[in-house]
Amino acid sequence: MESGEFERRRATRYVFAGVAELTNLQSGEYVICMATQLSRSGCFLRTDYSFAPLTTVNLKITHHGVVLQVPGKVVYVRAPEGMAIGFELLAPESRAILESWLSEARAATD
């Protein structure tokens, strides 16, 4: 774990598997990768190509046919593994999807 990384985390992360589509809102660059960890405040994306920290993004995660779409920001990059995305302004329907996925992930760890 990188120095200071633990302090930046605001919530427990769970092992997760979802297809992530990420768009850099400044440049328009688009990446498809895997969301491998999930929490109430963000996720970790496994990818060889990362955007710079603080880049604002639009994130779309698909898991078992359900789609979560949320604006976010790159919190940190851990090359070459991937990058952490912090969620910004979750709409109520997005929050419900996220909570459902987190409940599923918690149950899988019990």
N, C-alpha and C. Protein backbone atom coordinates (compact mmCIF):
# COMPACT_ATOMS: atom_id res chain seq x y z
N MET A 1 0.86 -1.18 0.00
CA MET A 1 0.00 0.00 0.00
C MET A 1 0.89 1.24 0.00
N GLU A 2 0.59 2.18 -0.84
CA GLU A 2 1.39 3.39 -0.94
C GLU A 2 1.23 4.23 0.31
N SER A 3 2.23 5.05 0.60
CA SER A 3 2.18 5.93 1.75
C SER A 3 0.97 6.85 1.66
N GLY A 4 0.19 6.90 2.72
CA GLY A 4 -0.98 7.78 2.76
C GLY A 4 -2.23 7.20 2.14
N GLU A 5 -2.10 6.09 1.43
CA GLU A 5 -3.26 5.51 0.75
C GLU A 5 -4.34 5.09 1.74
N PHE A 6 -3.93 4.48 2.86
CA PHE A 6 -4.90 4.03 3.86
C PHE A 6 -5.70 5.21 4.41
N GLU A 7 -5.04 6.34 4.64
CA GLU A 7 -5.72 7.50 5.20
C GLU A 7 -6.76 8.07 4.26
N ARG A 8 -6.57 7.90 2.95
CA ARG A 8 -7.51 8.44 1.98
C ARG A 8 -8.80 7.63 1.91
N ARG A 9 -8.74 6.39 2.31
CA ARG A 9 -9.94 5.55 2.23
C ARG A 9 -10.94 5.96 3.27
N ARG A 10 -12.19 6.14 2.82
CA ARG A 10 -13.26 6.56 3.72
C ARG A 10 -14.19 5.43 4.09
N ALA A 11 -14.09 4.29 3.41
CA ALA A 11 -15.04 3.20 3.66
C ALA A 11 -14.36 1.86 3.36
N THR A 12 -14.89 0.80 3.95
CA THR A 12 -14.37 -0.54 3.72
C THR A 12 -14.57 -0.94 2.26
N ARG A 13 -13.54 -1.50 1.68
CA ARG A 13 -13.63 -2.00 0.30
C ARG A 13 -13.90 -3.48 0.30
N TYR A 14 -14.68 -3.91 -0.69
CA TYR A 14 -15.02 -5.31 -0.86
C TYR A 14 -14.57 -5.79 -2.22
N VAL A 15 -14.20 -7.07 -2.30
CA VAL A 15 -13.87 -7.68 -3.59
C VAL A 15 -15.13 -7.63 -4.45
N PHE A 16 -14.95 -7.29 -5.70
CA PHE A 16 -16.07 -7.05 -6.59
C PHE A 16 -15.64 -7.38 -8.01
N ALA A 17 -16.58 -7.68 -8.88
CA ALA A 17 -16.27 -7.91 -10.29
C ALA A 17 -17.35 -7.25 -11.14
N GLY A 18 -16.95 -6.23 -11.85
CA GLY A 18 -17.87 -5.55 -12.76
C GLY A 18 -17.10 -4.95 -13.92
N VAL A 19 -17.77 -4.81 -15.04
CA VAL A 19 -17.15 -4.17 -16.20
C VAL A 19 -17.30 -2.66 -16.03
N ALA A 20 -16.19 -1.95 -16.12
CA ALA A 20 -16.20 -0.50 -15.95
C ALA A 20 -15.88 0.20 -17.26
N GLU A 21 -16.64 1.23 -17.53
CA GLU A 21 -16.38 2.09 -18.69
C GLU A 21 -16.13 3.48 -18.12
N LEU A 22 -15.00 4.04 -18.47
CA LEU A 22 -14.55 5.29 -17.86
C LEU A 22 -14.25 6.30 -18.96
N THR A 23 -14.83 7.49 -18.83
CA THR A 23 -14.58 8.56 -19.79
C THR A 23 -13.94 9.74 -19.08
N ASN A 24 -12.79 10.19 -19.57
CA ASN A 24 -12.11 11.37 -19.07
C ASN A 24 -12.90 12.58 -19.57
N LEU A 25 -13.46 13.36 -18.65
CA LEU A 25 -14.32 14.48 -19.05
C LEU A 25 -13.55 15.64 -19.67
N GLN A 26 -12.24 15.73 -19.44
CA GLN A 26 -11.45 16.79 -20.06
C GLN A 26 -11.05 16.44 -21.50
N SER A 27 -10.56 15.21 -21.69
CA SER A 27 -10.00 14.85 -23.00
C SER A 27 -10.95 14.01 -23.86
N GLY A 28 -11.96 13.38 -23.23
CA GLY A 28 -12.84 12.50 -23.97
C GLY A 28 -12.31 11.08 -24.10
N GLU A 29 -11.10 10.82 -23.58
CA GLU A 29 -10.54 9.47 -23.64
C GLU A 29 -11.48 8.49 -22.95
N TYR A 30 -11.52 7.26 -23.49
CA TYR A 30 -12.46 6.24 -23.03
C TYR A 30 -11.70 4.95 -22.77
N VAL A 31 -11.95 4.34 -21.62
CA VAL A 31 -11.27 3.10 -21.23
C VAL A 31 -12.31 2.09 -20.75
N ILE A 32 -12.17 0.85 -21.16
CA ILE A 32 -12.97 -0.25 -20.62
C ILE A 32 -12.04 -1.12 -19.79
N CYS A 33 -12.44 -1.42 -18.56
CA CYS A 33 -11.60 -2.19 -17.66
C CYS A 33 -12.47 -2.93 -16.64
N MET A 34 -11.86 -3.45 -15.60
CA MET A 34 -12.59 -4.19 -14.57
C MET A 34 -12.58 -3.43 -13.25
N ALA A 35 -13.75 -3.33 -12.63
CA ALA A 35 -13.85 -2.83 -11.26
C ALA A 35 -13.62 -4.05 -10.36
N THR A 36 -12.57 -4.02 -9.54
CA THR A 36 -12.20 -5.19 -8.75
C THR A 36 -12.42 -5.00 -7.25
N GLN A 37 -12.63 -3.76 -6.81
CA GLN A 37 -12.94 -3.47 -5.42
C GLN A 37 -14.00 -2.37 -5.40
N LEU A 38 -14.88 -2.44 -4.38
CA LEU A 38 -15.99 -1.50 -4.31
C LEU A 38 -16.23 -1.07 -2.87
N SER A 39 -16.54 0.21 -2.67
CA SER A 39 -16.90 0.73 -1.35
C SER A 39 -18.00 1.78 -1.53
N ARG A 40 -18.48 2.31 -0.43
CA ARG A 40 -19.50 3.38 -0.50
C ARG A 40 -18.96 4.65 -1.14
N SER A 41 -17.65 4.86 -1.05
CA SER A 41 -17.09 6.12 -1.54
C SER A 41 -16.34 6.00 -2.87
N GLY A 42 -16.16 4.77 -3.38
CA GLY A 42 -15.44 4.64 -4.63
C GLY A 42 -15.13 3.20 -4.99
N CYS A 43 -14.21 3.05 -5.94
CA CYS A 43 -13.85 1.71 -6.42
C CYS A 43 -12.42 1.72 -6.92
N PHE A 44 -11.88 0.51 -7.11
CA PHE A 44 -10.57 0.37 -7.73
C PHE A 44 -10.78 -0.28 -9.08
N LEU A 45 -10.15 0.29 -10.10
CA LEU A 45 -10.26 -0.21 -11.45
C LEU A 45 -8.95 -0.83 -11.89
N ARG A 46 -9.00 -2.08 -12.32
CA ARG A 46 -7.82 -2.78 -12.82
C ARG A 46 -7.66 -2.41 -14.29
N THR A 47 -6.56 -1.70 -14.61
CA THR A 47 -6.32 -1.27 -15.97
C THR A 47 -4.84 -0.97 -16.18
N ASP A 48 -4.37 -1.20 -17.39
CA ASP A 48 -2.99 -0.85 -17.75
C ASP A 48 -2.87 0.64 -18.07
N TYR A 49 -4.00 1.28 -18.37
CA TYR A 49 -3.99 2.69 -18.76
C TYR A 49 -4.75 3.50 -17.73
N SER A 50 -4.06 4.41 -17.06
CA SER A 50 -4.69 5.22 -16.01
C SER A 50 -4.68 6.69 -16.38
N PHE A 51 -5.68 7.39 -15.87
CA PHE A 51 -5.71 8.85 -15.99
C PHE A 51 -4.97 9.45 -14.79
N ALA A 52 -4.56 10.68 -14.90
CA ALA A 52 -3.81 11.34 -13.83
C ALA A 52 -4.70 11.57 -12.60
N PRO A 53 -4.10 11.58 -11.40
CA PRO A 53 -4.87 11.90 -10.20
C PRO A 53 -5.60 13.24 -10.37
N LEU A 54 -6.79 13.31 -9.81
CA LEU A 54 -7.70 14.47 -9.83
C LEU A 54 -8.45 14.64 -11.15
N THR A 55 -8.22 13.76 -12.12
CA THR A 55 -8.97 13.81 -13.37
C THR A 55 -10.44 13.53 -13.08
N THR A 56 -11.33 14.35 -13.62
CA THR A 56 -12.76 14.10 -13.46
C THR A 56 -13.23 13.15 -14.57
N VAL A 57 -14.09 12.21 -14.16
CA VAL A 57 -14.49 11.15 -15.07
C VAL A 57 -15.99 10.88 -14.95
N ASN A 58 -16.52 10.24 -15.98
CA ASN A 58 -17.84 9.64 -15.90
C ASN A 58 -17.60 8.14 -15.85
N LEU A 59 -18.16 7.47 -14.85
CA LEU A 59 -17.94 6.06 -14.63
C LEU A 59 -19.24 5.29 -14.80
N LYS A 60 -19.16 4.21 -15.55
CA LYS A 60 -20.31 3.32 -15.73
C LYS A 60 -19.84 1.91 -15.40
N ILE A 61 -20.47 1.28 -14.40
CA ILE A 61 -20.13 -0.09 -14.01
C ILE A 61 -21.34 -0.97 -14.26
N THR A 62 -21.09 -2.10 -14.91
CA THR A 62 -22.15 -3.08 -15.16
C THR A 62 -21.81 -4.35 -14.38
N HIS A 63 -22.80 -4.82 -13.60
CA HIS A 63 -22.63 -6.01 -12.76
C HIS A 63 -23.93 -6.80 -12.79
N HIS A 64 -23.88 -8.03 -13.29
CA HIS A 64 -25.06 -8.88 -13.43
C HIS A 64 -26.20 -8.17 -14.15
N GLY A 65 -25.86 -7.43 -15.20
CA GLY A 65 -26.86 -6.75 -16.01
C GLY A 65 -27.40 -5.45 -15.45
N VAL A 66 -26.96 -5.07 -14.26
CA VAL A 66 -27.40 -3.82 -13.64
C VAL A 66 -26.31 -2.77 -13.85
N VAL A 67 -26.71 -1.55 -14.18
CA VAL A 67 -25.75 -0.48 -14.51
C VAL A 67 -25.79 0.62 -13.45
N LEU A 68 -24.60 0.98 -12.97
CA LEU A 68 -24.41 2.13 -12.08
C LEU A 68 -23.64 3.17 -12.87
N GLN A 69 -24.19 4.37 -12.97
CA GLN A 69 -23.50 5.45 -13.66
C GLN A 69 -23.33 6.60 -12.69
N VAL A 70 -22.09 7.08 -12.55
CA VAL A 70 -21.80 8.09 -11.54
C VAL A 70 -20.60 8.94 -11.97
N PRO A 71 -20.64 10.24 -11.68
CA PRO A 71 -19.44 11.05 -11.90
C PRO A 71 -18.41 10.73 -10.82
N GLY A 72 -17.15 10.89 -11.16
CA GLY A 72 -16.11 10.58 -10.19
C GLY A 72 -14.84 11.34 -10.46
N LYS A 73 -13.83 11.03 -9.65
CA LYS A 73 -12.53 11.67 -9.77
C LYS A 73 -11.47 10.63 -9.45
N VAL A 74 -10.37 10.66 -10.20
CA VAL A 74 -9.26 9.75 -9.91
C VAL A 74 -8.62 10.18 -8.60
N VAL A 75 -8.60 9.28 -7.63
CA VAL A 75 -8.04 9.58 -6.31
C VAL A 75 -6.55 9.30 -6.29
N TYR A 76 -6.14 8.15 -6.82
CA TYR A 76 -4.72 7.83 -6.94
C TYR A 76 -4.54 6.78 -8.02
N VAL A 77 -3.30 6.69 -8.48
CA VAL A 77 -2.92 5.70 -9.49
C VAL A 77 -1.88 4.79 -8.86
N ARG A 78 -2.06 3.50 -9.05
CA ARG A 78 -1.08 2.51 -8.60
C ARG A 78 -0.62 1.74 -9.84
N ALA A 79 0.40 2.30 -10.51
CA ALA A 79 0.90 1.68 -11.74
C ALA A 79 1.67 0.42 -11.39
N PRO A 80 1.56 -0.64 -12.15
CA PRO A 80 0.74 -0.77 -13.35
C PRO A 80 -0.63 -1.39 -13.08
N GLU A 81 -1.02 -1.52 -11.80
CA GLU A 81 -2.26 -2.24 -11.48
C GLU A 81 -3.53 -1.51 -11.89
N GLY A 82 -3.60 -0.20 -11.67
CA GLY A 82 -4.81 0.53 -12.01
C GLY A 82 -4.96 1.82 -11.24
N MET A 83 -6.21 2.22 -11.00
CA MET A 83 -6.47 3.50 -10.35
C MET A 83 -7.72 3.42 -9.48
N ALA A 84 -7.73 4.26 -8.45
CA ALA A 84 -8.88 4.36 -7.56
C ALA A 84 -9.73 5.55 -8.00
N ILE A 85 -11.03 5.34 -8.01
CA ILE A 85 -11.98 6.39 -8.39
C ILE A 85 -12.85 6.70 -7.18
N GLY A 86 -12.94 7.97 -6.84
CA GLY A 86 -13.85 8.41 -5.79
C GLY A 86 -15.16 8.84 -6.42
N PHE A 87 -16.27 8.36 -5.87
CA PHE A 87 -17.58 8.73 -6.40
C PHE A 87 -17.91 10.16 -5.99
N GLU A 88 -18.59 10.86 -6.90
CA GLU A 88 -19.08 12.21 -6.63
C GLU A 88 -20.60 12.16 -6.75
N LEU A 89 -21.32 12.85 -5.96
CA LEU A 89 -22.76 13.04 -6.08
C LEU A 89 -23.55 11.84 -6.63
N LEU A 90 -23.79 10.87 -5.77
CA LEU A 90 -24.61 9.72 -6.16
C LEU A 90 -26.08 10.08 -6.12
N ALA A 91 -26.79 9.86 -7.21
CA ALA A 91 -28.24 10.05 -7.24
C ALA A 91 -28.89 8.95 -6.40
N PRO A 92 -30.10 9.16 -5.89
CA PRO A 92 -30.76 8.15 -5.04
C PRO A 92 -30.83 6.76 -5.69
N GLU A 93 -31.15 6.69 -6.98
CA GLU A 93 -31.23 5.38 -7.63
C GLU A 93 -29.85 4.74 -7.74
N SER A 94 -28.81 5.55 -7.94
CA SER A 94 -27.44 5.02 -7.98
C SER A 94 -27.02 4.54 -6.59
N ARG A 95 -27.37 5.28 -5.56
CA ARG A 95 -27.06 4.89 -4.19
C ARG A 95 -27.71 3.53 -3.87
N ALA A 96 -28.94 3.32 -4.32
CA ALA A 96 -29.65 2.05 -4.08
C ALA A 96 -28.93 0.89 -4.77
N ILE A 97 -28.49 1.10 -6.00
CA ILE A 97 -27.74 0.06 -6.72
C ILE A 97 -26.44 -0.24 -5.98
N LEU A 98 -25.72 0.79 -5.60
CA LEU A 98 -24.46 0.61 -4.89
C LEU A 98 -24.66 -0.16 -3.58
N GLU A 99 -25.67 0.22 -2.81
CA GLU A 99 -25.93 -0.47 -1.54
C GLU A 99 -26.28 -1.94 -1.77
N SER A 100 -27.01 -2.23 -2.83
CA SER A 100 -27.34 -3.61 -3.16
C SER A 100 -26.08 -4.41 -3.47
N TRP A 101 -25.20 -3.84 -4.27
CA TRP A 101 -23.95 -4.52 -4.60
C TRP A 101 -23.07 -4.71 -3.37
N LEU A 102 -23.02 -3.71 -2.49
CA LEU A 102 -22.22 -3.83 -1.28
C LEU A 102 -22.77 -4.91 -0.36
N SER A 103 -24.09 -5.01 -0.25
CA SER A 103 -24.71 -6.06 0.56
C SER A 103 -24.34 -7.43 0.01
N GLU A 104 -24.38 -7.57 -1.29
CA GLU A 104 -24.00 -8.82 -1.94
C GLU A 104 -22.54 -9.16 -1.66
N ALA A 105 -21.66 -8.16 -1.75
CA ALA A 105 -20.23 -8.38 -1.52
C ALA A 105 -19.95 -8.73 -0.06
N ARG A 106 -20.65 -8.06 0.87
CA ARG A 106 -20.50 -8.38 2.31
C ARG A 106 -20.92 -9.81 2.59
N ALA A 107 -22.04 -10.22 2.03
CA ALA A 107 -22.55 -11.59 2.24
C ALA A 107 -21.56 -12.64 1.71
N ALA A 108 -20.88 -12.31 0.64
CA ALA A 108 -19.91 -13.24 0.05
C ALA A 108 -18.67 -13.40 0.93
N THR A 109 -18.39 -12.43 1.79
CA THR A 109 -17.21 -12.51 2.67
C THR A 109 -17.52 -13.14 4.00
N ASP A 110 -18.80 -13.30 4.33
CA ASP A 110 -19.19 -13.90 5.63
C ASP A 110 -19.04 -15.40 5.63
